[in-house]
């Protein structure tokens, strides 16, 4: 019973972890972002920063659940 719960928690946390990492934007925009990104910094940057902060928190929580469920499965076996 406990093994099944740990397995389900591991699968769910790994899927959430993969999705949250893939949905995060890159930290550097490159050369094109430095040339044409002046207006985006003023108007659209706060929205992107808000989404990145949410994805960062989701990633951290999913990583903690992933590690806990992995350790539970290793302990059970």
PDB file of N, CA and C in Angstrom:
ATOM      1  N   UNK A   1       0.829  -1.197   0.000  1.00  0.00           N
ATOM      2  CA  UNK A   1       0.000   0.000   0.000  1.00  0.00           C
ATOM      3  C   UNK A   1       0.871   1.258   0.000  1.00  0.00           C
ATOM      4  N   UNK A   2       1.860   1.293   0.888  1.00  0.00           N
ATOM      5  CA  UNK A   2       2.743   2.454   0.975  1.00  0.00           C
ATOM      6  C   UNK A   2       3.616   2.568  -0.267  1.00  0.00           C
ATOM      7  N   UNK A   3       4.000   1.413  -0.836  1.00  0.00           N
ATOM      8  CA  UNK A   3       4.795   1.408  -2.060  1.00  0.00           C
ATOM      9  C   UNK A   3       3.997   1.995  -3.218  1.00  0.00           C
ATOM     10  N   UNK A   4       2.719   1.688  -3.296  1.00  0.00           N
ATOM     11  CA  UNK A   4       1.866   2.222  -4.357  1.00  0.00           C
ATOM     12  C   UNK A   4       1.709   3.730  -4.225  1.00  0.00           C
ATOM     13  N   UNK A   5       1.528   4.210  -3.022  1.00  0.00           N
ATOM     14  CA  UNK A   5       1.410   5.653  -2.786  1.00  0.00           C
ATOM     15  C   UNK A   5       2.707   6.367  -3.168  1.00  0.00           C
ATOM     16  N   UNK A   6       3.843   5.781  -2.797  1.00  0.00           N
ATOM     17  CA  UNK A   6       5.127   6.391  -3.142  1.00  0.00           C
ATOM     18  C   UNK A   6       5.350   6.386  -4.649  1.00  0.00           C
ATOM     19  N   UNK A   7       4.919   5.324  -5.318  1.00  0.00           N
ATOM     20  CA  UNK A   7       5.070   5.254  -6.770  1.00  0.00           C
ATOM     21  C   UNK A   7       4.212   6.307  -7.463  1.00  0.00           C
ATOM     22  N   UNK A   8       2.978   6.447  -7.038  1.00  0.00           N
ATOM     23  CA  UNK A   8       2.083   7.448  -7.630  1.00  0.00           C
ATOM     24  C   UNK A   8       2.617   8.851  -7.368  1.00  0.00           C
ATOM     25  N   UNK A   9       3.090   9.109  -6.160  1.00  0.00           N
ATOM     26  CA  UNK A   9       3.667  10.413  -5.824  1.00  0.00           C
ATOM     27  C   UNK A   9       4.912  10.692  -6.663  1.00  0.00           C
ATOM     28  N   UNK A  10       5.718   9.667  -6.894  1.00  0.00           N
ATOM     29  CA  UNK A  10       6.921   9.822  -7.708  1.00  0.00           C
ATOM     30  C   UNK A  10       6.572  10.143  -9.161  1.00  0.00           C
ATOM     31  N   UNK A  11       5.583   9.457  -9.712  1.00  0.00           N
ATOM     32  CA  UNK A  11       5.188   9.701 -11.100  1.00  0.00           C
ATOM     33  C   UNK A  11       4.599  11.099 -11.269  1.00  0.00           C
ATOM     34  N   UNK A  12       3.711  11.483 -10.359  1.00  0.00           N
ATOM     35  CA  UNK A  12       3.081  12.805 -10.453  1.00  0.00           C
ATOM     36  C   UNK A  12       4.113  13.917 -10.276  1.00  0.00           C
ATOM     37  N   UNK A  13       4.985  13.768  -9.288  1.00  0.00           N
ATOM     38  CA  UNK A  13       5.988  14.814  -9.053  1.00  0.00           C
ATOM     39  C   UNK A  13       6.981  14.896 -10.204  1.00  0.00           C
ATOM     40  N   UNK A  14       7.319  13.765 -10.824  1.00  0.00           N
ATOM     41  CA  UNK A  14       8.248  13.827 -11.954  1.00  0.00           C
ATOM     42  C   UNK A  14       7.607  14.496 -13.161  1.00  0.00           C
ATOM     43  N   UNK A  15       6.328  14.237 -13.415  1.00  0.00           N
ATOM     44  CA  UNK A  15       5.650  14.896 -14.531  1.00  0.00           C
ATOM     45  C   UNK A  15       5.521  16.405 -14.308  1.00  0.00           C
ATOM     46  N   UNK A  16       5.187  16.790 -13.080  1.00  0.00           N
ATOM     47  CA  UNK A  16       5.093  18.220 -12.756  1.00  0.00           C
ATOM     48  C   UNK A  16       6.464  18.878 -12.843  1.00  0.00           C
ATOM     49  N   UNK A  17       7.486  18.168 -12.405  1.00  0.00           N
ATOM     50  CA  UNK A  17       8.846  18.702 -12.463  1.00  0.00           C
ATOM     51  C   UNK A  17       9.295  18.907 -13.904  1.00  0.00           C
ATOM     52  N   UNK A  18       9.028  17.947 -14.768  1.00  0.00           N
ATOM     53  CA  UNK A  18       9.395  18.071 -16.176  1.00  0.00           C
ATOM     54  C   UNK A  18       8.642  19.239 -16.817  1.00  0.00           C
ATOM     55  N   UNK A  19       7.344  19.323 -16.578  1.00  0.00           N
ATOM     56  CA  UNK A  19       6.538  20.389 -17.190  1.00  0.00           C
ATOM     57  C   UNK A  19       6.967  21.765 -16.696  1.00  0.00           C
ATOM     58  N   UNK A  20       7.217  21.902 -15.403  1.00  0.00           N
ATOM     59  CA  UNK A  20       7.578  23.221 -14.879  1.00  0.00           C
ATOM     60  C   UNK A  20       8.958  23.667 -15.354  1.00  0.00           C
ATOM     61  N   UNK A  21       9.865  22.730 -15.560  1.00  0.00           N
ATOM     62  CA  UNK A  21      11.186  23.099 -16.081  1.00  0.00           C
ATOM     63  C   UNK A  21      11.084  23.508 -17.536  1.00  0.00           C
ATOM     64  N   UNK A  22      10.289  22.773 -18.311  1.00  0.00           N
ATOM     65  CA  UNK A  22      10.174  23.102 -19.727  1.00  0.00           C
ATOM     66  C   UNK A  22       9.410  24.400 -19.974  1.00  0.00           C
ATOM     67  N   UNK A  23       8.532  24.790 -19.080  1.00  0.00           N
ATOM     68  CA  UNK A  23       7.749  26.006 -19.274  1.00  0.00           C
ATOM     69  C   UNK A  23       8.466  27.270 -18.807  1.00  0.00           C
ATOM     70  N   UNK A  24       9.574  27.118 -18.097  1.00  0.00           N
ATOM     71  CA  UNK A  24      10.312  28.294 -17.658  1.00  0.00           C
ATOM     72  C   UNK A  24      11.040  28.917 -18.842  1.00  0.00           C
ATOM     73  N   UNK A  25      11.129  30.232 -18.815  1.00  0.00           N
ATOM     74  CA  UNK A  25      11.868  30.917 -19.879  1.00  0.00           C
ATOM     75  C   UNK A  25      13.347  30.933 -19.534  1.00  0.00           C
ATOM     76  N   UNK A  26      14.151  31.149 -20.564  1.00  0.00           N
ATOM     77  CA  UNK A  26      15.591  31.197 -20.367  1.00  0.00           C
ATOM     78  C   UNK A  26      16.003  32.421 -19.576  1.00  0.00           C
ATOM     79  N   UNK A  27      17.133  32.342 -18.930  1.00  0.00           N
ATOM     80  CA  UNK A  27      17.599  33.469 -18.110  1.00  0.00           C
ATOM     81  C   UNK A  27      18.208  34.583 -18.950  1.00  0.00           C
ATOM     82  N   UNK A  28      18.721  34.255 -20.116  1.00  0.00           N
ATOM     83  CA  UNK A  28      19.284  35.296 -20.975  1.00  0.00           C
ATOM     84  C   UNK A  28      18.562  35.266 -22.310  1.00  0.00           C
ATOM     85  N   UNK A  29      18.263  36.422 -22.820  1.00  0.00           N
ATOM     86  CA  UNK A  29      17.530  36.509 -24.080  1.00  0.00           C
ATOM     87  C   UNK A  29      18.466  36.496 -25.273  1.00  0.00           C
ATOM     88  N   UNK A  30      19.753  36.606 -25.070  1.00  0.00           N
ATOM     89  CA  UNK A  30      20.699  36.596 -26.173  1.00  0.00           C
ATOM     90  C   UNK A  30      20.855  37.973 -26.803  1.00  0.00           C
ATOM     91  N   UNK A  31      21.453  37.984 -27.969  1.00  0.00           N
ATOM     92  CA  UNK A  31      21.735  39.247 -28.647  1.00  0.00           C
ATOM     93  C   UNK A  31      20.463  39.932 -29.130  1.00  0.00           C
ATOM     94  N   UNK A  32      19.509  39.162 -29.624  1.00  0.00           N
ATOM     95  CA  UNK A  32      18.264  39.767 -30.113  1.00  0.00           C
ATOM     96  C   UNK A  32      17.465  40.396 -28.974  1.00  0.00           C
ATOM     97  N   UNK A  33      17.525  39.835 -27.789  1.00  0.00           N
ATOM     98  CA  UNK A  33      16.817  40.423 -26.667  1.00  0.00           C
ATOM     99  C   UNK A  33      17.465  41.700 -26.165  1.00  0.00           C
ATOM    100  N   UNK A  34      18.786  41.800 -26.312  1.00  0.00           N
ATOM    101  CA  UNK A  34      19.457  43.020 -25.855  1.00  0.00           C
ATOM    102  C   UNK A  34      19.269  44.164 -26.841  1.00  0.00           C
ATOM    103  N   UNK A  35      19.097  43.846 -28.126  1.00  0.00           N
ATOM    104  CA  UNK A  35      18.910  44.914 -29.121  1.00  0.00           C
ATOM    105  C   UNK A  35      17.470  45.406 -29.132  1.00  0.00           C
ATOM    106  N   UNK A  36      16.512  44.486 -29.242  1.00  0.00           N
ATOM    107  CA  UNK A  36      15.126  44.916 -29.411  1.00  0.00           C
ATOM    108  C   UNK A  36      14.276  44.794 -28.170  1.00  0.00           C
ATOM    109  N   UNK A  37      14.870  44.574 -27.028  1.00  0.00           N
ATOM    110  CA  UNK A  37      14.073  44.321 -25.839  1.00  0.00           C
ATOM    111  C   UNK A  37      13.841  45.511 -24.949  1.00  0.00           C
ATOM    112  N   UNK A  38      14.046  46.723 -25.439  1.00  0.00           N
ATOM    113  CA  UNK A  38      13.877  47.900 -24.597  1.00  0.00           C
ATOM    114  C   UNK A  38      12.448  48.124 -24.172  1.00  0.00           C
ATOM    115  N   UNK A  39      11.515  48.019 -25.112  1.00  0.00           N
ATOM    116  CA  UNK A  39      10.100  48.225 -24.776  1.00  0.00           C
ATOM    117  C   UNK A  39       9.559  47.074 -23.957  1.00  0.00           C
ATOM    118  N   UNK A  40      10.090  45.886 -24.191  1.00  0.00           N
ATOM    119  CA  UNK A  40       9.607  44.734 -23.438  1.00  0.00           C
ATOM    120  C   UNK A  40      10.005  44.831 -21.971  1.00  0.00           C
ATOM    121  N   UNK A  41      11.134  45.440 -21.697  1.00  0.00           N
ATOM    122  CA  UNK A  41      11.551  45.600 -20.318  1.00  0.00           C
ATOM    123  C   UNK A  41      10.620  46.533 -19.558  1.00  0.00           C
ATOM    124  N   UNK A  42      10.084  47.525 -20.246  1.00  0.00           N
ATOM    125  CA  UNK A  42       9.206  48.488 -19.583  1.00  0.00           C
ATOM    126  C   UNK A  42       7.808  47.918 -19.393  1.00  0.00           C
ATOM    127  N   UNK A  43       7.221  47.324 -20.444  1.00  0.00           N
ATOM    128  CA  UNK A  43       5.811  46.940 -20.411  1.00  0.00           C
ATOM    129  C   UNK A  43       5.573  45.481 -20.058  1.00  0.00           C
ATOM    130  N   UNK A  44       6.319  44.572 -20.644  1.00  0.00           N
ATOM    131  CA  UNK A  44       5.954  43.172 -20.509  1.00  0.00           C
ATOM    132  C   UNK A  44       6.827  42.351 -19.586  1.00  0.00           C
ATOM    133  N   UNK A  45       7.812  42.937 -18.980  1.00  0.00           N
ATOM    134  CA  UNK A  45       8.764  42.162 -18.195  1.00  0.00           C
ATOM    135  C   UNK A  45       8.182  41.716 -16.862  1.00  0.00           C
ATOM    136  N   UNK A  46       7.318  42.511 -16.254  1.00  0.00           N
ATOM    137  CA  UNK A  46       6.779  42.141 -14.950  1.00  0.00           C
ATOM    138  C   UNK A  46       5.881  40.919 -15.043  1.00  0.00           C
ATOM    139  N   UNK A  47       5.124  40.798 -16.127  1.00  0.00           N
ATOM    140  CA  UNK A  47       4.262  39.638 -16.288  1.00  0.00           C
ATOM    141  C   UNK A  47       5.099  38.377 -16.446  1.00  0.00           C
ATOM    142  N   UNK A  48       6.148  38.445 -17.244  1.00  0.00           N
ATOM    143  CA  UNK A  48       7.016  37.291 -17.442  1.00  0.00           C
ATOM    144  C   UNK A  48       7.740  36.933 -16.152  1.00  0.00           C
ATOM    145  N   UNK A  49       8.128  37.921 -15.397  1.00  0.00           N
ATOM    146  CA  UNK A  49       8.814  37.666 -14.132  1.00  0.00           C
ATOM    147  C   UNK A  49       7.871  37.013 -13.130  1.00  0.00           C
ATOM    148  N   UNK A  50       6.597  37.392 -13.154  1.00  0.00           N
ATOM    149  CA  UNK A  50       5.609  36.800 -12.265  1.00  0.00           C
ATOM    150  C   UNK A  50       5.402  35.323 -12.589  1.00  0.00           C
ATOM    151  N   UNK A  51       5.302  34.999 -13.883  1.00  0.00           N
ATOM    152  CA  UNK A  51       5.141  33.604 -14.285  1.00  0.00           C
ATOM    153  C   UNK A  51       6.391  32.790 -13.955  1.00  0.00           C
ATOM    154  N   UNK A  52       7.547  33.374 -14.158  1.00  0.00           N
ATOM    155  CA  UNK A  52       8.782  32.667 -13.832  1.00  0.00           C
ATOM    156  C   UNK A  52       8.897  32.400 -12.344  1.00  0.00           C
ATOM    157  N   UNK A  53       8.441  33.325 -11.524  1.00  0.00           N
ATOM    158  CA  UNK A  53       8.482  33.119 -10.081  1.00  0.00           C
ATOM    159  C   UNK A  53       7.542  31.984  -9.668  1.00  0.00           C
ATOM    160  N   UNK A  54       6.368  31.917 -10.300  1.00  0.00           N
ATOM    161  CA  UNK A  54       5.441  30.830  -9.994  1.00  0.00           C
ATOM    162  C   UNK A  54       6.005  29.487 -10.432  1.00  0.00           C
ATOM    163  N   UNK A  55       6.585  29.433 -11.639  1.00  0.00           N
ATOM    164  CA  UNK A  55       7.171  28.183 -12.108  1.00  0.00           C
ATOM    165  C   UNK A  55       8.366  27.785 -11.259  1.00  0.00           C
ATOM    166  N   UNK A  56       9.099  28.762 -10.738  1.00  0.00           N
ATOM    167  CA  UNK A  56      10.233  28.471  -9.868  1.00  0.00           C
ATOM    168  C   UNK A  56       9.761  27.814  -8.572  1.00  0.00           C
ATOM    169  N   UNK A  57       8.677  28.321  -8.001  1.00  0.00           N
ATOM    170  CA  UNK A  57       8.138  27.731  -6.771  1.00  0.00           C
ATOM    171  C   UNK A  57       7.587  26.330  -7.018  1.00  0.00           C
ATOM    172  N   UNK A  58       6.888  26.160  -8.142  1.00  0.00           N
ATOM    173  CA  UNK A  58       6.346  24.841  -8.488  1.00  0.00           C
ATOM    174  C   UNK A  58       7.477  23.847  -8.698  1.00  0.00           C
ATOM    175  N   UNK A  59       8.554  24.279  -9.315  1.00  0.00           N
ATOM    176  CA  UNK A  59       9.705  23.406  -9.544  1.00  0.00           C
ATOM    177  C   UNK A  59      10.334  22.978  -8.231  1.00  0.00           C
ATOM    178  N   UNK A  60      10.474  23.913  -7.304  1.00  0.00           N
ATOM    179  CA  UNK A  60      11.074  23.572  -6.011  1.00  0.00           C
ATOM    180  C   UNK A  60      10.209  22.594  -5.222  1.00  0.00           C
ATOM    181  N   UNK A  61       8.895  22.809  -5.218  1.00  0.00           N
ATOM    182  CA  UNK A  61       7.992  21.921  -4.489  1.00  0.00           C
ATOM    183  C   UNK A  61       7.984  20.528  -5.120  1.00  0.00           C
ATOM    184  N   UNK A  62       7.941  20.476  -6.440  1.00  0.00           N
ATOM    185  CA  UNK A  62       7.948  19.189  -7.131  1.00  0.00           C
ATOM    186  C   UNK A  62       9.264  18.448  -6.904  1.00  0.00           C
ATOM    187  N   UNK A  63      10.364  19.173  -6.846  1.00  0.00           N
ATOM    188  CA  UNK A  63      11.653  18.539  -6.586  1.00  0.00           C
ATOM    189  C   UNK A  63      11.710  17.951  -5.181  1.00  0.00           C
ATOM    190  N   UNK A  64      11.149  18.652  -4.220  1.00  0.00           N
ATOM    191  CA  UNK A  64      11.123  18.134  -2.849  1.00  0.00           C
ATOM    192  C   UNK A  64      10.265  16.869  -2.765  1.00  0.00           C
ATOM    193  N   UNK A  65       9.081  16.894  -3.389  1.00  0.00           N
ATOM    194  CA  UNK A  65       8.235  15.703  -3.400  1.00  0.00           C
ATOM    195  C   UNK A  65       8.902  14.547  -4.142  1.00  0.00           C
ATOM    196  N   UNK A  66       9.628  14.842  -5.207  1.00  0.00           N
ATOM    197  CA  UNK A  66      10.333  13.817  -5.958  1.00  0.00           C
ATOM    198  C   UNK A  66      11.403  13.150  -5.092  1.00  0.00           C
ATOM    199  N   UNK A  67      12.171  13.948  -4.372  1.00  0.00           N
ATOM    200  CA  UNK A  67      13.230  13.401  -3.523  1.00  0.00           C
ATOM    201  C   UNK A  67      12.639  12.600  -2.372  1.00  0.00           C
ATOM    202  N   UNK A  68      11.580  13.116  -1.756  1.00  0.00           N
ATOM    203  CA  UNK A  68      10.951  12.401  -0.639  1.00  0.00           C
ATOM    204  C   UNK A  68      10.375  11.073  -1.101  1.00  0.00           C
ATOM    205  N   UNK A  69       9.674  11.072  -2.228  1.00  0.00           N
ATOM    206  CA  UNK A  69       9.092   9.824  -2.711  1.00  0.00           C
ATOM    207  C   UNK A  69      10.172   8.834  -3.156  1.00  0.00           C
ATOM    208  N   UNK A  70      11.259   9.334  -3.711  1.00  0.00           N
ATOM    209  CA  UNK A  70      12.374   8.445  -4.088  1.00  0.00           C
ATOM    210  C   UNK A  70      13.005   7.812  -2.861  1.00  0.00           C
ATOM    211  N   UNK A  71      13.196   8.607  -1.828  1.00  0.00           N
ATOM    212  CA  UNK A  71      13.766   8.058  -0.584  1.00  0.00           C
ATOM    213  C   UNK A  71      12.798   7.074   0.088  1.00  0.00           C
ATOM    214  N   UNK A  72      11.494   7.352   0.009  1.00  0.00           N
ATOM    215  CA  UNK A  72      10.519   6.399   0.571  1.00  0.00           C
ATOM    216  C   UNK A  72      10.555   5.078  -0.169  1.00  0.00           C
ATOM    217  N   UNK A  73      10.635   5.125  -1.489  1.00  0.00           N
ATOM    218  CA  UNK A  73      10.687   3.893  -2.267  1.00  0.00           C
ATOM    219  C   UNK A  73      11.975   3.117  -2.004  1.00  0.00           C
ATOM    220  N   UNK A  74      13.081   3.813  -1.840  1.00  0.00           N
ATOM    221  CA  UNK A  74      14.347   3.143  -1.540  1.00  0.00           C
ATOM    222  C   UNK A  74      14.311   2.511  -0.143  1.00  0.00           C
ATOM    223  N   UNK A  75      13.675   3.178   0.793  1.00  0.00           N
ATOM    224  CA  UNK A  75      13.564   2.648   2.147  1.00  0.00           C
ATOM    225  C   UNK A  75      12.655   1.422   2.203  1.00  0.00           C
ATOM    226  N   UNK A  76      11.571   1.457   1.434  1.00  0.00           N
ATOM    227  CA  UNK A  76      10.619   0.336   1.428  1.00  0.00           C
ATOM    228  C   UNK A  76      11.267  -0.907   0.818  1.00  0.00           C
ATOM    229  N   UNK A  77      12.040  -0.725  -0.236  1.00  0.00           N
ATOM    230  CA  UNK A  77      12.661  -1.879  -0.874  1.00  0.00           C
ATOM    231  C   UNK A  77      13.809  -2.360  -0.035  1.00  0.00           C
TER     232      UNK A  77
END
